[in-house]
Amino acid sequence: MSAMRFFVLTSAALPLALILLTPSFPAAAAEKSAAVAKKDVIVEQADANNSPKQHLDQLFSQLKRERDPEKASGIANEIRMEWNDSGSATVNLLMQWADKAIEEKRNPAALDFLDEAIALKPDYAESWNRRATLNFVMGNYRKSMSDIERVLDLEPRHFGALSGMAAILSNSGNDQLTLKAWERFLDIYPAERTAQEQANTLAEKLAGNRT
């Protein structure tokens, strides 16, 4: 799996795990069930009132704690879906046009759409990330790295941008900086297997070079 895979926006449902504790006596069980149900309603209402930023913070906390790769992938996909919404109908439309242009290999048109999205909403990290991805695909690594740095200024937890940074640094042959990029990635998304493999391989290589 290429490092560029992490740039791609995908969607998946977040897996949920429910733990039920059953008391010894029926009366206690009924009382406990009612209390749990009431608590669940309160939690759901509180979650519904969360701002997008608060919801994103919660997802990142879950991602950092999760050690099961499949469950972590579901959380990561929900984060990507959150990133995909700019909060502006116009910018969202420009992003859709850019995606279609990329799919049809009309890269100049895609760049124009992304440039316009960035001009309209410069604090929207995903437009910078999408342009970084396109620049990477086109071989414009310097421009891609510049866009990645902007993404990370806006959202330091953007694991997609960090994987892109690692890919560019790897192409330049800088193993130490590549390892640091993967380590930053794993600090945010520790269950991602490809990142683990990349980091372990580089760590072993660098350790071998020092002996």
C-alpha atoms as a PDB file:
ATOM      1  CA  MET A   1       0.000   0.000   0.000  1.00  0.00           C
ATOM      2  CA  SER A   2       1.477   3.340  -1.053  1.00  0.00           C
ATOM      3  CA  ALA A   3       1.901   6.226   1.363  1.00  0.00           C
ATOM      4  CA  MET A   4      -0.289   8.234  -1.007  1.00  0.00           C
ATOM      5  CA  ARG A   5      -3.251   6.125   0.089  1.00  0.00           C
ATOM      6  CA  PHE A   6      -3.559   8.306   3.171  1.00  0.00           C
ATOM      7  CA  PHE A   7      -4.338  11.371   1.055  1.00  0.00           C
ATOM      8  CA  VAL A   8      -7.474   9.721  -0.266  1.00  0.00           C
ATOM      9  CA  LEU A   9     -10.808  10.633   1.282  1.00  0.00           C
ATOM     10  CA  THR A  10     -12.852   7.542   2.005  1.00  0.00           C
ATOM     11  CA  SER A  11     -15.967   6.877   4.056  1.00  0.00           C
ATOM     12  CA  ALA A  12     -16.785   4.123   6.520  1.00  0.00           C
ATOM     13  CA  ALA A  13     -19.073   3.728   9.506  1.00  0.00           C
ATOM     14  CA  LEU A  14     -17.463   4.016  12.913  1.00  0.00           C
ATOM     15  CA  PRO A  15     -17.663   0.654  14.709  1.00  0.00           C
ATOM     16  CA  LEU A  16     -19.341   0.830  18.108  1.00  0.00           C
ATOM     17  CA  ALA A  17     -18.720  -1.516  21.042  1.00  0.00           C
ATOM     18  CA  LEU A  18     -21.338  -1.832  23.766  1.00  0.00           C
ATOM     19  CA  ILE A  19     -20.423  -3.426  27.123  1.00  0.00           C
ATOM     20  CA  LEU A  20     -23.348  -4.672  29.216  1.00  0.00           C
ATOM     21  CA  LEU A  21     -22.928  -5.527  32.892  1.00  0.00           C
ATOM     22  CA  THR A  22     -25.742  -7.707  34.228  1.00  0.00           C
ATOM     23  CA  PRO A  23     -26.376  -7.543  38.018  1.00  0.00           C
ATOM     24  CA  SER A  24     -27.174 -10.704  40.009  1.00  0.00           C
ATOM     25  CA  PHE A  25     -30.778  -9.881  40.921  1.00  0.00           C
ATOM     26  CA  PRO A  26     -33.687  -9.066  38.538  1.00  0.00           C
ATOM     27  CA  ALA A  27     -34.781  -5.961  40.446  1.00  0.00           C
ATOM     28  CA  ALA A  28     -31.275  -4.589  40.481  1.00  0.00           C
ATOM     29  CA  ALA A  29     -30.934  -5.403  36.790  1.00  0.00           C
ATOM     30  CA  ALA A  30     -34.099  -3.445  35.922  1.00  0.00           C
ATOM     31  CA  GLU A  31     -32.964  -0.467  37.991  1.00  0.00           C
ATOM     32  CA  LYS A  32     -29.505  -0.578  36.404  1.00  0.00           C
ATOM     33  CA  SER A  33     -30.966  -0.821  32.880  1.00  0.00           C
ATOM     34  CA  ALA A  34     -33.149   2.232  33.452  1.00  0.00           C
ATOM     35  CA  ALA A  35     -30.196   4.201  34.788  1.00  0.00           C
ATOM     36  CA  VAL A  36     -27.999   3.177  31.858  1.00  0.00           C
ATOM     37  CA  ALA A  37     -30.715   4.063  29.341  1.00  0.00           C
ATOM     38  CA  LYS A  38     -31.174   7.475  30.922  1.00  0.00           C
ATOM     39  CA  LYS A  39     -27.425   8.054  30.916  1.00  0.00           C
ATOM     40  CA  ASP A  40     -27.186   7.020  27.236  1.00  0.00           C
ATOM     41  CA  VAL A  41     -29.877   9.554  26.306  1.00  0.00           C
ATOM     42  CA  ILE A  42     -28.016  12.315  28.154  1.00  0.00           C
ATOM     43  CA  VAL A  43     -24.732  11.373  26.469  1.00  0.00           C
ATOM     44  CA  GLU A  44     -26.359  11.301  23.023  1.00  0.00           C
ATOM     45  CA  GLN A  45     -27.920  14.699  23.614  1.00  0.00           C
ATOM     46  CA  ALA A  46     -24.590  16.103  24.774  1.00  0.00           C
ATOM     47  CA  ASP A  47     -22.836  14.654  21.720  1.00  0.00           C
ATOM     48  CA  ALA A  48     -25.489  16.120  19.429  1.00  0.00           C
ATOM     49  CA  ASN A  49     -24.775  19.560  20.886  1.00  0.00           C
ATOM     50  CA  ASN A  50     -21.023  19.270  20.320  1.00  0.00           C
ATOM     51  CA  SER A  51     -19.413  21.624  17.830  1.00  0.00           C
ATOM     52  CA  PRO A  52     -17.668  20.095  14.796  1.00  0.00           C
ATOM     53  CA  LYS A  53     -14.326  20.854  16.459  1.00  0.00           C
ATOM     54  CA  GLN A  54     -15.368  19.095  19.671  1.00  0.00           C
ATOM     55  CA  HIS A  55     -16.578  16.090  17.685  1.00  0.00           C
ATOM     56  CA  LEU A  56     -13.282  15.991  15.783  1.00  0.00           C
ATOM     57  CA  ASP A  57     -11.332  16.214  19.051  1.00  0.00           C
ATOM     58  CA  GLN A  58     -13.306  13.244  20.383  1.00  0.00           C
ATOM     59  CA  LEU A  59     -12.560  11.222  17.259  1.00  0.00           C
ATOM     60  CA  PHE A  60      -8.852  11.966  17.494  1.00  0.00           C
ATOM     61  CA  SER A  61      -8.856  10.907  21.149  1.00  0.00           C
ATOM     62  CA  GLN A  62     -10.495   7.623  20.153  1.00  0.00           C
ATOM     63  CA  LEU A  63      -8.020   7.147  17.295  1.00  0.00           C
ATOM     64  CA  LYS A  64      -5.059   7.655  19.605  1.00  0.00           C
ATOM     65  CA  ARG A  65      -6.370   5.070  22.104  1.00  0.00           C
ATOM     66  CA  GLU A  66      -7.557   2.455  19.601  1.00  0.00           C
ATOM     67  CA  ARG A  67      -5.186  -0.464  18.993  1.00  0.00           C
ATOM     68  CA  ASP A  68      -7.397  -2.591  16.746  1.00  0.00           C
ATOM     69  CA  PRO A  69      -6.468  -1.704  13.127  1.00  0.00           C
ATOM     70  CA  GLU A  70      -9.969  -2.248  11.719  1.00  0.00           C
ATOM     71  CA  LYS A  71     -11.690  -0.182  14.402  1.00  0.00           C
ATOM     72  CA  ALA A  72      -9.036   2.510  14.062  1.00  0.00           C
ATOM     73  CA  SER A  73      -9.618   2.572  10.291  1.00  0.00           C
ATOM     74  CA  GLY A  74     -13.313   3.241  10.904  1.00  0.00           C
ATOM     75  CA  ILE A  75     -12.466   6.150  13.190  1.00  0.00           C
ATOM     76  CA  ALA A  76      -9.944   7.506  10.677  1.00  0.00           C
ATOM     77  CA  ASN A  77     -12.565   7.360   7.928  1.00  0.00           C
ATOM     78  CA  GLU A  78     -15.023   9.305  10.068  1.00  0.00           C
ATOM     79  CA  ILE A  79     -12.310  11.921  10.618  1.00  0.00           C
ATOM     80  CA  ARG A  80     -11.817  12.106   6.846  1.00  0.00           C
ATOM     81  CA  MET A  81     -15.550  12.669   6.384  1.00  0.00           C
ATOM     82  CA  GLU A  82     -15.400  15.530   8.886  1.00  0.00           C
ATOM     83  CA  TRP A  83     -12.461  17.020   6.986  1.00  0.00           C
ATOM     84  CA  ASN A  84     -14.358  16.705   3.724  1.00  0.00           C
ATOM     85  CA  ASP A  85     -16.976  19.273   4.783  1.00  0.00           C
ATOM     86  CA  SER A  86     -15.636  22.803   4.490  1.00  0.00           C
ATOM     87  CA  GLY A  87     -18.760  24.396   5.919  1.00  0.00           C
ATOM     88  CA  SER A  88     -19.200  26.284   2.644  1.00  0.00           C
ATOM     89  CA  ALA A  89     -21.460  25.013  -0.134  1.00  0.00           C
ATOM     90  CA  THR A  90     -19.388  26.857  -2.749  1.00  0.00           C
ATOM     91  CA  VAL A  91     -16.073  25.430  -1.539  1.00  0.00           C
ATOM     92  CA  ASN A  92     -17.573  21.940  -1.278  1.00  0.00           C
ATOM     93  CA  LEU A  93     -18.737  22.233  -4.898  1.00  0.00           C
ATOM     94  CA  LEU A  94     -15.297  23.377  -6.040  1.00  0.00           C
ATOM     95  CA  MET A  95     -13.763  20.398  -4.245  1.00  0.00           C
ATOM     96  CA  GLN A  96     -16.199  18.055  -6.030  1.00  0.00           C
ATOM     97  CA  TRP A  97     -15.306  19.616  -9.381  1.00  0.00           C
ATOM     98  CA  ALA A  98     -11.613  19.223  -8.549  1.00  0.00           C
ATOM     99  CA  ASP A  99     -12.121  15.553  -7.687  1.00  0.00           C
ATOM    100  CA  LYS A 100     -13.952  14.946 -10.968  1.00  0.00           C
ATOM    101  CA  ALA A 101     -11.240  16.746 -12.921  1.00  0.00           C
ATOM    102  CA  ILE A 102      -8.555  14.642 -11.211  1.00  0.00           C
ATOM    103  CA  GLU A 103     -10.501  11.481 -12.011  1.00  0.00           C
ATOM    104  CA  GLU A 104     -10.643  12.550 -15.654  1.00  0.00           C
ATOM    105  CA  LYS A 105      -6.902  13.452 -15.577  1.00  0.00           C
ATOM    106  CA  ARG A 106      -7.637  17.133 -16.229  1.00  0.00           C
ATOM    107  CA  ASN A 107      -4.989  18.248 -13.768  1.00  0.00           C
ATOM    108  CA  PRO A 108      -4.746  21.932 -14.815  1.00  0.00           C
ATOM    109  CA  ALA A 109      -8.510  22.329 -14.346  1.00  0.00           C
ATOM    110  CA  ALA A 110      -8.312  20.555 -10.976  1.00  0.00           C
ATOM    111  CA  LEU A 111      -5.570  22.939  -9.856  1.00  0.00           C
ATOM    112  CA  ASP A 112      -7.712  25.913 -10.882  1.00  0.00           C
ATOM    113  CA  PHE A 113     -10.649  24.627  -8.809  1.00  0.00           C
ATOM    114  CA  LEU A 114      -8.413  23.978  -5.790  1.00  0.00           C
ATOM    115  CA  ASP A 115      -6.745  27.389  -6.111  1.00  0.00           C
ATOM    116  CA  GLU A 116     -10.188  29.009  -6.094  1.00  0.00           C
ATOM    117  CA  ALA A 117     -11.288  26.945  -3.074  1.00  0.00           C
ATOM    118  CA  ILE A 118      -8.171  28.029  -1.193  1.00  0.00           C
ATOM    119  CA  ALA A 119      -8.717  31.674  -2.136  1.00  0.00           C
ATOM    120  CA  LEU A 120     -12.321  31.549  -0.893  1.00  0.00           C
ATOM    121  CA  LYS A 121     -11.538  29.727   2.365  1.00  0.00           C
ATOM    122  CA  PRO A 122      -7.803  29.772   3.138  1.00  0.00           C
ATOM    123  CA  ASP A 123      -8.308  28.245   6.588  1.00  0.00           C
ATOM    124  CA  TYR A 124      -9.833  25.052   5.139  1.00  0.00           C
ATOM    125  CA  ALA A 125      -7.039  22.500   5.481  1.00  0.00           C
ATOM    126  CA  GLU A 126      -8.450  19.871   3.132  1.00  0.00           C
ATOM    127  CA  SER A 127      -8.238  22.078   0.039  1.00  0.00           C
ATOM    128  CA  TRP A 128      -4.517  22.535   0.728  1.00  0.00           C
ATOM    129  CA  ASN A 129      -4.179  18.793   1.308  1.00  0.00           C
ATOM    130  CA  ARG A 130      -5.957  17.950  -1.936  1.00  0.00           C
ATOM    131  CA  ARG A 131      -3.678  20.330  -3.830  1.00  0.00           C
ATOM    132  CA  ALA A 132      -0.659  18.792  -2.099  1.00  0.00           C
ATOM    133  CA  THR A 133      -1.838  15.391  -3.301  1.00  0.00           C
ATOM    134  CA  LEU A 134      -2.264  16.597  -6.873  1.00  0.00           C
ATOM    135  CA  ASN A 135       1.130  18.287  -6.867  1.00  0.00           C
ATOM    136  CA  PHE A 136       2.663  15.056  -5.572  1.00  0.00           C
ATOM    137  CA  VAL A 137       1.040  13.033  -8.352  1.00  0.00           C
ATOM    138  CA  MET A 138       2.305  15.565 -10.900  1.00  0.00           C
ATOM    139  CA  GLY A 139       5.835  15.301  -9.512  1.00  0.00           C
ATOM    140  CA  ASN A 140       5.857  18.845  -8.099  1.00  0.00           C
ATOM    141  CA  TYR A 141       7.313  17.776  -4.764  1.00  0.00           C
ATOM    142  CA  ARG A 142       8.431  21.218  -3.632  1.00  0.00           C
ATOM    143  CA  LYS A 143       4.956  22.669  -4.175  1.00  0.00           C
ATOM    144  CA  SER A 144       3.417  19.593  -2.540  1.00  0.00           C
ATOM    145  CA  MET A 145       5.617  19.996   0.544  1.00  0.00           C
ATOM    146  CA  SER A 146       4.724  23.688   0.764  1.00  0.00           C
ATOM    147  CA  ASP A 147       1.012  22.807   0.727  1.00  0.00           C
ATOM    148  CA  ILE A 148       1.579  20.037   3.300  1.00  0.00           C
ATOM    149  CA  GLU A 149       3.254  22.489   5.657  1.00  0.00           C
ATOM    150  CA  ARG A 150       0.219  24.752   5.348  1.00  0.00           C
ATOM    151  CA  VAL A 151      -2.116  21.815   6.076  1.00  0.00           C
ATOM    152  CA  LEU A 152      -0.160  21.024   9.241  1.00  0.00           C
ATOM    153  CA  ASP A 153      -0.229  24.665  10.308  1.00  0.00           C
ATOM    154  CA  LEU A 154      -4.026  24.522  10.125  1.00  0.00           C
ATOM    155  CA  GLU A 155      -4.438  20.948  11.450  1.00  0.00           C
ATOM    156  CA  PRO A 156      -1.305  19.468  13.088  1.00  0.00           C
ATOM    157  CA  ARG A 157      -3.111  16.121  13.469  1.00  0.00           C
ATOM    158  CA  HIS A 158      -3.636  15.669   9.732  1.00  0.00           C
ATOM    159  CA  PHE A 159      -2.240  12.157   9.342  1.00  0.00           C
ATOM    160  CA  GLY A 160      -2.854  12.236   5.578  1.00  0.00           C
ATOM    161  CA  ALA A 161      -0.562  15.227   5.189  1.00  0.00           C
ATOM    162  CA  LEU A 162       2.054  13.570   7.404  1.00  0.00           C
ATOM    163  CA  SER A 163       2.033  10.454   5.222  1.00  0.00           C
ATOM    164  CA  GLY A 164       2.504  12.684   2.182  1.00  0.00           C
ATOM    165  CA  MET A 165       5.403  14.411   3.900  1.00  0.00           C
ATOM    166  CA  ALA A 166       6.951  11.006   4.662  1.00  0.00           C
ATOM    167  CA  ALA A 167       6.555   9.984   0.998  1.00  0.00           C
ATOM    168  CA  ILE A 168       8.305  13.125  -0.262  1.00  0.00           C
ATOM    169  CA  LEU A 169      11.112  12.846   2.290  1.00  0.00           C
ATOM    170  CA  SER A 170      11.539   9.183   1.400  1.00  0.00           C
ATOM    171  CA  ASN A 171      11.878  10.087  -2.286  1.00  0.00           C
ATOM    172  CA  SER A 172      14.596  12.567  -1.328  1.00  0.00           C
ATOM    173  CA  GLY A 173      16.484   9.811   0.512  1.00  0.00           C
ATOM    174  CA  ASN A 174      16.332  11.507   3.918  1.00  0.00           C
ATOM    175  CA  ASP A 175      15.678   8.494   6.148  1.00  0.00           C
ATOM    176  CA  GLN A 176      15.941  10.335   9.456  1.00  0.00           C
ATOM    177  CA  LEU A 177      13.356  12.971   8.579  1.00  0.00           C
ATOM    178  CA  THR A 178      11.151  10.330   6.954  1.00  0.00           C
ATOM    179  CA  LEU A 179      11.206   8.347  10.198  1.00  0.00           C
ATOM    180  CA  LYS A 180      10.305  11.462  12.180  1.00  0.00           C
ATOM    181  CA  ALA A 181       7.328  12.065   9.884  1.00  0.00           C
ATOM    182  CA  TRP A 182       6.100   8.483  10.398  1.00  0.00           C
ATOM    183  CA  GLU A 183       6.616   8.816  14.155  1.00  0.00           C
ATOM    184  CA  ARG A 184       4.453  11.947  14.145  1.00  0.00           C
ATOM    185  CA  PHE A 185       1.870  10.020  12.146  1.00  0.00           C
ATOM    186  CA  LEU A 186       1.885   7.117  14.635  1.00  0.00           C
ATOM    187  CA  ASP A 187       1.537   9.474  17.581  1.00  0.00           C
ATOM    188  CA  ILE A 188      -1.838  10.457  16.086  1.00  0.00           C
ATOM    189  CA  TYR A 189      -2.850   7.155  14.444  1.00  0.00           C
ATOM    190  CA  PRO A 190      -0.893   4.396  16.258  1.00  0.00           C
ATOM    191  CA  ALA A 191      -2.816   1.393  14.867  1.00  0.00           C
ATOM    192  CA  GLU A 192      -2.048   2.004  11.167  1.00  0.00           C
ATOM    193  CA  ARG A 193      -0.084  -1.041  10.025  1.00  0.00           C
ATOM    194  CA  THR A 194       1.630   0.434   6.979  1.00  0.00           C
ATOM    195  CA  ALA A 195       2.928   3.358   9.027  1.00  0.00           C
ATOM    196  CA  GLN A 196       4.146   0.903  11.670  1.00  0.00           C
ATOM    197  CA  GLU A 197       5.971  -1.136   9.022  1.00  0.00           C
ATOM    198  CA  GLN A 198       7.529   1.944   7.439  1.00  0.00           C
ATOM    199  CA  ALA A 199       8.711   3.276  10.793  1.00  0.00           C
ATOM    200  CA  ASN A 200      10.101  -0.082  11.921  1.00  0.00           C
ATOM    201  CA  THR A 201      11.959  -0.607   8.631  1.00  0.00           C
ATOM    202  CA  LEU A 202      13.517   2.841   8.772  1.00  0.00           C
ATOM    203  CA  ALA A 203      14.435   2.506  12.462  1.00  0.00           C
ATOM    204  CA  GLU A 204      16.186  -0.815  11.770  1.00  0.00           C
ATOM    205  CA  LYS A 205      17.975   0.648   8.743  1.00  0.00           C
ATOM    206  CA  LEU A 206      19.206   3.669  10.677  1.00  0.00           C
ATOM    207  CA  ALA A 207      20.285   1.478  13.618  1.00  0.00           C
ATOM    208  CA  GLY A 208      22.241  -0.704  11.183  1.00  0.00           C
ATOM    209  CA  ASN A 209      23.953   2.317   9.672  1.00  0.00           C
ATOM    210  CA  ARG A 210      25.162   3.400  13.112  1.00  0.00           C
ATOM    211  CA  THR A 211      26.823   0.035  13.899  1.00  0.00           C
END
